Amino acid sequence: AYNNMVTMHEKCLAIRKIIEECGSISREIDDLTDEIEIESQNASNIRLEELMTDINQIRQENETLFREKEILNK
């Protein structure tokens, strides 16, 4: 009976350790998922800034072309 109790206690400790490891892994997965989301957001922000720069450049080019056209039409 004592040996059975010791064996059961050891198995319970092993199960507890596995549960703690699962919790730790789950938290690590959550942290990595958050990091991926942040990096993805940063990449989107960088692309948006590049697009805005391109749009502003196109606007300036359009204004220059419009002025040149007005000068030629006079």
PDB file of N, CA and C in Angstrom:
ATOM      1  N   ALA A   1       0.831  -1.194   0.000  1.00  0.00           N
ATOM      2  CA  ALA A   1       0.000   0.000   0.000  1.00  0.00           C
ATOM      3  C   ALA A   1       0.873   1.255   0.000  1.00  0.00           C
ATOM      4  N   TYR A   2       1.938   1.208   0.815  1.00  0.00           N
ATOM      5  CA  TYR A   2       2.834   2.369   0.886  1.00  0.00           C
ATOM      6  C   TYR A   2       3.515   2.593  -0.463  1.00  0.00           C
ATOM      7  N   ASN A   3       3.972   1.512  -1.090  1.00  0.00           N
ATOM      8  CA  ASN A   3       4.634   1.624  -2.395  1.00  0.00           C
ATOM      9  C   ASN A   3       3.686   2.196  -3.445  1.00  0.00           C
ATOM     10  N   ASN A   4       2.420   1.792  -3.384  1.00  0.00           N
ATOM     11  CA  ASN A   4       1.427   2.333  -4.319  1.00  0.00           C
ATOM     12  C   ASN A   4       1.238   3.832  -4.105  1.00  0.00           C
ATOM     13  N   MET A   5       1.223   4.246  -2.828  1.00  0.00           N
ATOM     14  CA  MET A   5       1.054   5.658  -2.517  1.00  0.00           C
ATOM     15  C   MET A   5       2.270   6.457  -3.007  1.00  0.00           C
ATOM     16  N   VAL A   6       3.465   5.940  -2.832  1.00  0.00           N
ATOM     17  CA  VAL A   6       4.684   6.613  -3.295  1.00  0.00           C
ATOM     18  C   VAL A   6       4.667   6.721  -4.820  1.00  0.00           C
ATOM     19  N   THR A   7       4.289   5.648  -5.494  1.00  0.00           N
ATOM     20  CA  THR A   7       4.209   5.647  -6.955  1.00  0.00           C
ATOM     21  C   THR A   7       3.185   6.669  -7.436  1.00  0.00           C
ATOM     22  N   MET A   8       2.016   6.696  -6.777  1.00  0.00           N
ATOM     23  CA  MET A   8       0.973   7.646  -7.145  1.00  0.00           C
ATOM     24  C   MET A   8       1.457   9.081  -6.911  1.00  0.00           C
ATOM     25  N   HIS A   9       2.166   9.312  -5.821  1.00  0.00           N
ATOM     26  CA  HIS A   9       2.697  10.638  -5.514  1.00  0.00           C
ATOM     27  C   HIS A   9       3.700  11.068  -6.596  1.00  0.00           C
ATOM     28  N   GLU A  10       4.568  10.170  -7.005  1.00  0.00           N
ATOM     29  CA  GLU A  10       5.552  10.468  -8.047  1.00  0.00           C
ATOM     30  C   GLU A  10       4.858  10.787  -9.373  1.00  0.00           C
ATOM     31  N   LYS A  11       3.815  10.024  -9.688  1.00  0.00           N
ATOM     32  CA  LYS A  11       3.076  10.271 -10.926  1.00  0.00           C
ATOM     33  C   LYS A  11       2.354  11.615 -10.875  1.00  0.00           C
ATOM     34  N   CYS A  12       1.813  11.948  -9.710  1.00  0.00           N
ATOM     35  CA  CYS A  12       1.144  13.248  -9.553  1.00  0.00           C
ATOM     36  C   CYS A  12       2.145  14.389  -9.726  1.00  0.00           C
ATOM     37  N   LEU A  13       3.350  14.232  -9.173  1.00  0.00           N
ATOM     38  CA  LEU A  13       4.387  15.252  -9.338  1.00  0.00           C
ATOM     39  C   LEU A  13       4.780  15.395 -10.812  1.00  0.00           C
ATOM     40  N   ALA A  14       4.874  14.258 -11.505  1.00  0.00           N
ATOM     41  CA  ALA A  14       5.212  14.289 -12.928  1.00  0.00           C
ATOM     42  C   ALA A  14       4.113  14.992 -13.719  1.00  0.00           C
ATOM     43  N   ILE A  15       2.862  14.696 -13.391  1.00  0.00           N
ATOM     44  CA  ILE A  15       1.728  15.344 -14.066  1.00  0.00           C
ATOM     45  C   ILE A  15       1.740  16.842 -13.793  1.00  0.00           C
ATOM     46  N   ARG A  16       2.022  17.216 -12.546  1.00  0.00           N
ATOM     47  CA  ARG A  16       2.071  18.627 -12.174  1.00  0.00           C
ATOM     48  C   ARG A  16       3.163  19.344 -12.973  1.00  0.00           C
ATOM     49  N   LYS A  17       4.311  18.705 -13.110  1.00  0.00           N
ATOM     50  CA  LYS A  17       5.411  19.295 -13.865  1.00  0.00           C
ATOM     51  C   LYS A  17       5.016  19.479 -15.330  1.00  0.00           C
ATOM     52  N   ILE A  18       4.351  18.492 -15.896  1.00  0.00           N
ATOM     53  CA  ILE A  18       3.905  18.579 -17.290  1.00  0.00           C
ATOM     54  C   ILE A  18       2.906  19.721 -17.461  1.00  0.00           C
ATOM     55  N   ILE A  19       1.985  19.859 -16.512  1.00  0.00           N
ATOM     56  CA  ILE A  19       0.987  20.936 -16.579  1.00  0.00           C
ATOM     57  C   ILE A  19       1.677  22.297 -16.503  1.00  0.00           C
ATOM     58  N   GLU A  20       2.670  22.426 -15.605  1.00  0.00           N
ATOM     59  CA  GLU A  20       3.408  23.687 -15.495  1.00  0.00           C
ATOM     60  C   GLU A  20       4.153  23.994 -16.791  1.00  0.00           C
ATOM     61  N   GLU A  21       4.756  22.971 -17.398  1.00  0.00           N
ATOM     62  CA  GLU A  21       5.463  23.161 -18.662  1.00  0.00           C
ATOM     63  C   GLU A  21       4.494  23.576 -19.768  1.00  0.00           C
ATOM     64  N   CYS A  22       3.313  22.973 -19.784  1.00  0.00           N
ATOM     65  CA  CYS A  22       2.294  23.344 -20.781  1.00  0.00           C
ATOM     66  C   CYS A  22       1.882  24.801 -20.605  1.00  0.00           C
ATOM     67  N   GLY A  23       1.713  25.221 -19.354  1.00  0.00           N
ATOM     68  CA  GLY A  23       1.359  26.615 -19.080  1.00  0.00           C
ATOM     69  C   GLY A  23       2.456  27.559 -19.533  1.00  0.00           C
ATOM     70  N   SER A  24       3.696  27.175 -19.270  1.00  0.00           N
ATOM     71  CA  SER A  24       4.835  27.992 -19.681  1.00  0.00           C
ATOM     72  C   SER A  24       4.908  28.096 -21.200  1.00  0.00           C
ATOM     73  N   ILE A  25       4.720  26.978 -21.870  1.00  0.00           N
ATOM     74  CA  ILE A  25       4.735  26.970 -23.337  1.00  0.00           C
ATOM     75  C   ILE A  25       3.581  27.803 -23.886  1.00  0.00           C
ATOM     76  N   SER A  26       2.426  27.701 -23.264  1.00  0.00           N
ATOM     77  CA  SER A  26       1.261  28.472 -23.704  1.00  0.00           C
ATOM     78  C   SER A  26       1.527  29.975 -23.570  1.00  0.00           C
ATOM     79  N   ARG A  27       2.137  30.387 -22.457  1.00  0.00           N
ATOM     80  CA  ARG A  27       2.472  31.807 -22.272  1.00  0.00           C
ATOM     81  C   ARG A  27       3.504  32.257 -23.306  1.00  0.00           C
ATOM     82  N   GLU A  28       4.470  31.391 -23.590  1.00  0.00           N
ATOM     83  CA  GLU A  28       5.486  31.718 -24.587  1.00  0.00           C
ATOM     84  C   GLU A  28       4.857  31.878 -25.974  1.00  0.00           C
ATOM     85  N   ILE A  29       3.913  31.011 -26.297  1.00  0.00           N
ATOM     86  CA  ILE A  29       3.197  31.114 -27.574  1.00  0.00           C
ATOM     87  C   ILE A  29       2.435  32.433 -27.641  1.00  0.00           C
ATOM     88  N   ASP A  30       1.763  32.799 -26.546  1.00  0.00           N
ATOM     89  CA  ASP A  30       1.035  34.071 -26.512  1.00  0.00           C
ATOM     90  C   ASP A  30       1.986  35.246 -26.722  1.00  0.00           C
ATOM     91  N   ASP A  31       3.149  35.211 -26.051  1.00  0.00           N
ATOM     92  CA  ASP A  31       4.129  36.286 -26.198  1.00  0.00           C
ATOM     93  C   ASP A  31       4.631  36.377 -27.637  1.00  0.00           C
ATOM     94  N   LEU A  32       4.933  35.231 -28.232  1.00  0.00           N
ATOM     95  CA  LEU A  32       5.415  35.224 -29.614  1.00  0.00           C
ATOM     96  C   LEU A  32       4.341  35.700 -30.584  1.00  0.00           C
ATOM     97  N   THR A  33       3.100  35.313 -30.327  1.00  0.00           N
ATOM     98  CA  THR A  33       1.989  35.771 -31.162  1.00  0.00           C
ATOM     99  C   THR A  33       1.863  37.291 -31.082  1.00  0.00           C
ATOM    100  N   ASP A  34       1.991  37.835 -29.868  1.00  0.00           N
ATOM    101  CA  ASP A  34       1.944  39.288 -29.700  1.00  0.00           C
ATOM    102  C   ASP A  34       3.092  39.962 -30.452  1.00  0.00           C
ATOM    103  N   GLU A  35       4.291  39.394 -30.360  1.00  0.00           N
ATOM    104  CA  GLU A  35       5.441  39.961 -31.063  1.00  0.00           C
ATOM    105  C   GLU A  35       5.231  39.937 -32.575  1.00  0.00           C
ATOM    106  N   ILE A  36       4.680  38.843 -33.073  1.00  0.00           N
ATOM    107  CA  ILE A  36       4.402  38.740 -34.509  1.00  0.00           C
ATOM    108  C   ILE A  36       3.405  39.815 -34.922  1.00  0.00           C
ATOM    109  N   GLU A  37       2.382  40.026 -34.114  1.00  0.00           N
ATOM    110  CA  GLU A  37       1.373  41.045 -34.415  1.00  0.00           C
ATOM    111  C   GLU A  37       2.001  42.436 -34.438  1.00  0.00           C
ATOM    112  N   ILE A  38       2.873  42.708 -33.470  1.00  0.00           N
ATOM    113  CA  ILE A  38       3.540  44.016 -33.407  1.00  0.00           C
ATOM    114  C   ILE A  38       4.429  44.216 -34.631  1.00  0.00           C
ATOM    115  N   GLU A  39       5.211  43.204 -34.982  1.00  0.00           N
ATOM    116  CA  GLU A  39       6.089  43.302 -36.151  1.00  0.00           C
ATOM    117  C   GLU A  39       5.273  43.468 -37.432  1.00  0.00           C
ATOM    118  N   SER A  40       4.169  42.777 -37.507  1.00  0.00           N
ATOM    119  CA  SER A  40       3.298  42.890 -38.674  1.00  0.00           C
ATOM    120  C   SER A  40       2.735  44.306 -38.776  1.00  0.00           C
ATOM    121  N   GLN A  41       2.350  44.863 -37.649  1.00  0.00           N
ATOM    122  CA  GLN A  41       1.831  46.234 -37.597  1.00  0.00           C
ATOM    123  C   GLN A  41       2.918  47.217 -38.024  1.00  0.00           C
ATOM    124  N   ASN A  42       4.152  47.004 -37.522  1.00  0.00           N
ATOM    125  CA  ASN A  42       5.258  47.888 -37.887  1.00  0.00           C
ATOM    126  C   ASN A  42       5.526  47.835 -39.386  1.00  0.00           C
ATOM    127  N   ALA A  43       5.486  46.643 -39.954  1.00  0.00           N
ATOM    128  CA  ALA A  43       5.708  46.495 -41.394  1.00  0.00           C
ATOM    129  C   ALA A  43       4.617  47.222 -42.176  1.00  0.00           C
ATOM    130  N   SER A  44       3.385  47.139 -41.698  1.00  0.00           N
ATOM    131  CA  SER A  44       2.272  47.835 -42.360  1.00  0.00           C
ATOM    132  C   SER A  44       2.466  49.342 -42.281  1.00  0.00           C
ATOM    133  N   ASN A  45       2.920  49.821 -41.121  1.00  0.00           N
ATOM    134  CA  ASN A  45       3.149  51.255 -40.954  1.00  0.00           C
ATOM    135  C   ASN A  45       4.250  51.745 -41.887  1.00  0.00           C
ATOM    136  N   ILE A  46       5.305  50.941 -42.040  1.00  0.00           N
ATOM    137  CA  ILE A  46       6.399  51.321 -42.931  1.00  0.00           C
ATOM    138  C   ILE A  46       5.896  51.392 -44.370  1.00  0.00           C
ATOM    139  N   ARG A  47       5.119  50.393 -44.783  1.00  0.00           N
ATOM    140  CA  ARG A  47       4.572  50.400 -46.146  1.00  0.00           C
ATOM    141  C   ARG A  47       3.654  51.604 -46.349  1.00  0.00           C
ATOM    142  N   LEU A  48       2.858  51.929 -45.344  1.00  0.00           N
ATOM    143  CA  LEU A  48       1.959  53.073 -45.445  1.00  0.00           C
ATOM    144  C   LEU A  48       2.756  54.365 -45.601  1.00  0.00           C
ATOM    145  N   GLU A  49       3.824  54.516 -44.829  1.00  0.00           N
ATOM    146  CA  GLU A  49       4.660  55.711 -44.940  1.00  0.00           C
ATOM    147  C   GLU A  49       5.281  55.812 -46.335  1.00  0.00           C
ATOM    148  N   GLU A  50       5.740  54.687 -46.868  1.00  0.00           N
ATOM    149  CA  GLU A  50       6.316  54.689 -48.215  1.00  0.00           C
ATOM    150  C   GLU A  50       5.266  55.089 -49.248  1.00  0.00           C
ATOM    151  N   LEU A  51       4.057  54.569 -49.104  1.00  0.00           N
ATOM    152  CA  LEU A  51       2.973  54.924 -50.030  1.00  0.00           C
ATOM    153  C   LEU A  51       2.631  56.409 -49.944  1.00  0.00           C
ATOM    154  N   MET A  52       2.589  56.938 -48.722  1.00  0.00           N
ATOM    155  CA  MET A  52       2.279  58.356 -48.551  1.00  0.00           C
ATOM    156  C   MET A  52       3.368  59.226 -49.183  1.00  0.00           C
ATOM    157  N   THR A  53       4.619  58.824 -49.038  1.00  0.00           N
ATOM    158  CA  THR A  53       5.721  59.553 -49.665  1.00  0.00           C
ATOM    159  C   THR A  53       5.570  59.534 -51.179  1.00  0.00           C
ATOM    160  N   ASP A  54       5.251  58.371 -51.729  1.00  0.00           N
ATOM    161  CA  ASP A  54       5.053  58.252 -53.178  1.00  0.00           C
ATOM    162  C   ASP A  54       3.895  59.126 -53.651  1.00  0.00           C
ATOM    163  N   ILE A  55       2.801  59.115 -52.910  1.00  0.00           N
ATOM    164  CA  ILE A  55       1.629  59.924 -53.280  1.00  0.00           C
ATOM    165  C   ILE A  55       1.982  61.409 -53.268  1.00  0.00           C
ATOM    166  N   ASN A  56       2.708  61.845 -52.246  1.00  0.00           N
ATOM    167  CA  ASN A  56       3.105  63.255 -52.178  1.00  0.00           C
ATOM    168  C   ASN A  56       4.017  63.629 -53.344  1.00  0.00           C
ATOM    169  N   GLN A  57       4.909  62.732 -53.705  1.00  0.00           N
ATOM    170  CA  GLN A  57       5.796  62.987 -54.845  1.00  0.00           C
ATOM    171  C   GLN A  57       4.986  63.093 -56.140  1.00  0.00           C
ATOM    172  N   ILE A  58       4.021  62.217 -56.315  1.00  0.00           N
ATOM    173  CA  ILE A  58       3.163  62.259 -57.508  1.00  0.00           C
ATOM    174  C   ILE A  58       2.375  63.564 -57.546  1.00  0.00           C
ATOM    175  N   ARG A  59       1.870  63.998 -56.400  1.00  0.00           N
ATOM    176  CA  ARG A  59       1.127  65.265 -56.346  1.00  0.00           C
ATOM    177  C   ARG A  59       2.015  66.427 -56.775  1.00  0.00           C
ATOM    178  N   GLN A  60       3.247  66.433 -56.261  1.00  0.00           N
ATOM    179  CA  GLN A  60       4.171  67.508 -56.632  1.00  0.00           C
ATOM    180  C   GLN A  60       4.475  67.476 -58.131  1.00  0.00           C
ATOM    181  N   GLU A  61       4.681  66.291 -58.666  1.00  0.00           N
ATOM    182  CA  GLU A  61       4.934  66.161 -60.102  1.00  0.00           C
ATOM    183  C   GLU A  61       3.724  66.638 -60.908  1.00  0.00           C
ATOM    184  N   ASN A  62       2.532  66.292 -60.447  1.00  0.00           N
ATOM    185  CA  ASN A  62       1.308  66.733 -61.130  1.00  0.00           C
ATOM    186  C   ASN A  62       1.179  68.251 -61.106  1.00  0.00           C
ATOM    187  N   GLU A  63       1.492  68.865 -59.972  1.00  0.00           N
ATOM    188  CA  GLU A  63       1.425  70.324 -59.878  1.00  0.00           C
ATOM    189  C   GLU A  63       2.423  70.974 -60.832  1.00  0.00           C
ATOM    190  N   THR A  64       3.626  70.405 -60.893  1.00  0.00           N
ATOM    191  CA  THR A  64       4.642  70.932 -61.803  1.00  0.00           C
ATOM    192  C   THR A  64       4.186  70.806 -63.252  1.00  0.00           C
ATOM    193  N   LEU A  65       3.653  69.658 -63.606  1.00  0.00           N
ATOM    194  CA  LEU A  65       3.161  69.449 -64.971  1.00  0.00           C
ATOM    195  C   LEU A  65       2.000  70.387 -65.292  1.00  0.00           C
ATOM    196  N   PHE A  66       1.117  70.592 -64.324  1.00  0.00           N
ATOM    197  CA  PHE A  66      -0.025  71.486 -64.536  1.00  0.00           C
ATOM    198  C   PHE A  66       0.462  72.913 -64.786  1.00  0.00           C
ATOM    199  N   ARG A  67       1.449  73.363 -64.009  1.00  0.00           N
ATOM    200  CA  ARG A  67       1.996  74.716 -64.195  1.00  0.00           C
ATOM    201  C   ARG A  67       2.669  74.840 -65.564  1.00  0.00           C
ATOM    202  N   GLU A  68       3.421  73.822 -65.938  1.00  0.00           N
ATOM    203  CA  GLU A  68       4.086  73.847 -67.246  1.00  0.00           C
ATOM    204  C   GLU A  68       3.059  73.890 -68.374  1.00  0.00           C
ATOM    205  N   LYS A  69       1.977  73.165 -68.204  1.00  0.00           N
ATOM    206  CA  LYS A  69       0.912  73.160 -69.215  1.00  0.00           C
ATOM    207  C   LYS A  69       0.280  74.536 -69.320  1.00  0.00           C
ATOM    208  N   GLU A  70       0.038  75.177 -68.174  1.00  0.00           N
ATOM    209  CA  GLU A  70      -0.559  76.517 -68.183  1.00  0.00           C
ATOM    210  C   GLU A  70       0.359  77.513 -68.879  1.00  0.00           C
ATOM    211  N   ILE A  71       1.666  77.388 -68.642  1.00  0.00           N
ATOM    212  CA  ILE A  71       2.621  78.293 -69.278  1.00  0.00           C
ATOM    213  C   ILE A  71       2.619  78.080 -70.790  1.00  0.00           C
ATOM    214  N   LEU A  72       2.573  76.827 -71.216  1.00  0.00           N
ATOM    215  CA  LEU A  72       2.576  76.526 -72.652  1.00  0.00           C
ATOM    216  C   LEU A  72       1.289  76.977 -73.334  1.00  0.00           C
ATOM    217  N   ASN A  73       0.179  76.976 -72.614  1.00  0.00           N
ATOM    218  CA  ASN A  73      -1.112  77.361 -73.187  1.00  0.00           C
ATOM    219  C   ASN A  73      -1.276  78.872 -73.296  1.00  0.00           C
ATOM    220  N   LYS A  74      -0.396  79.641 -72.682  1.00  0.00           N
ATOM    221  CA  LYS A  74      -0.531  81.109 -72.726  1.00  0.00           C
ATOM    222  C   LYS A  74      -0.008  81.681 -73.996  1.00  0.00           C
TER     223      LYS A  74
END
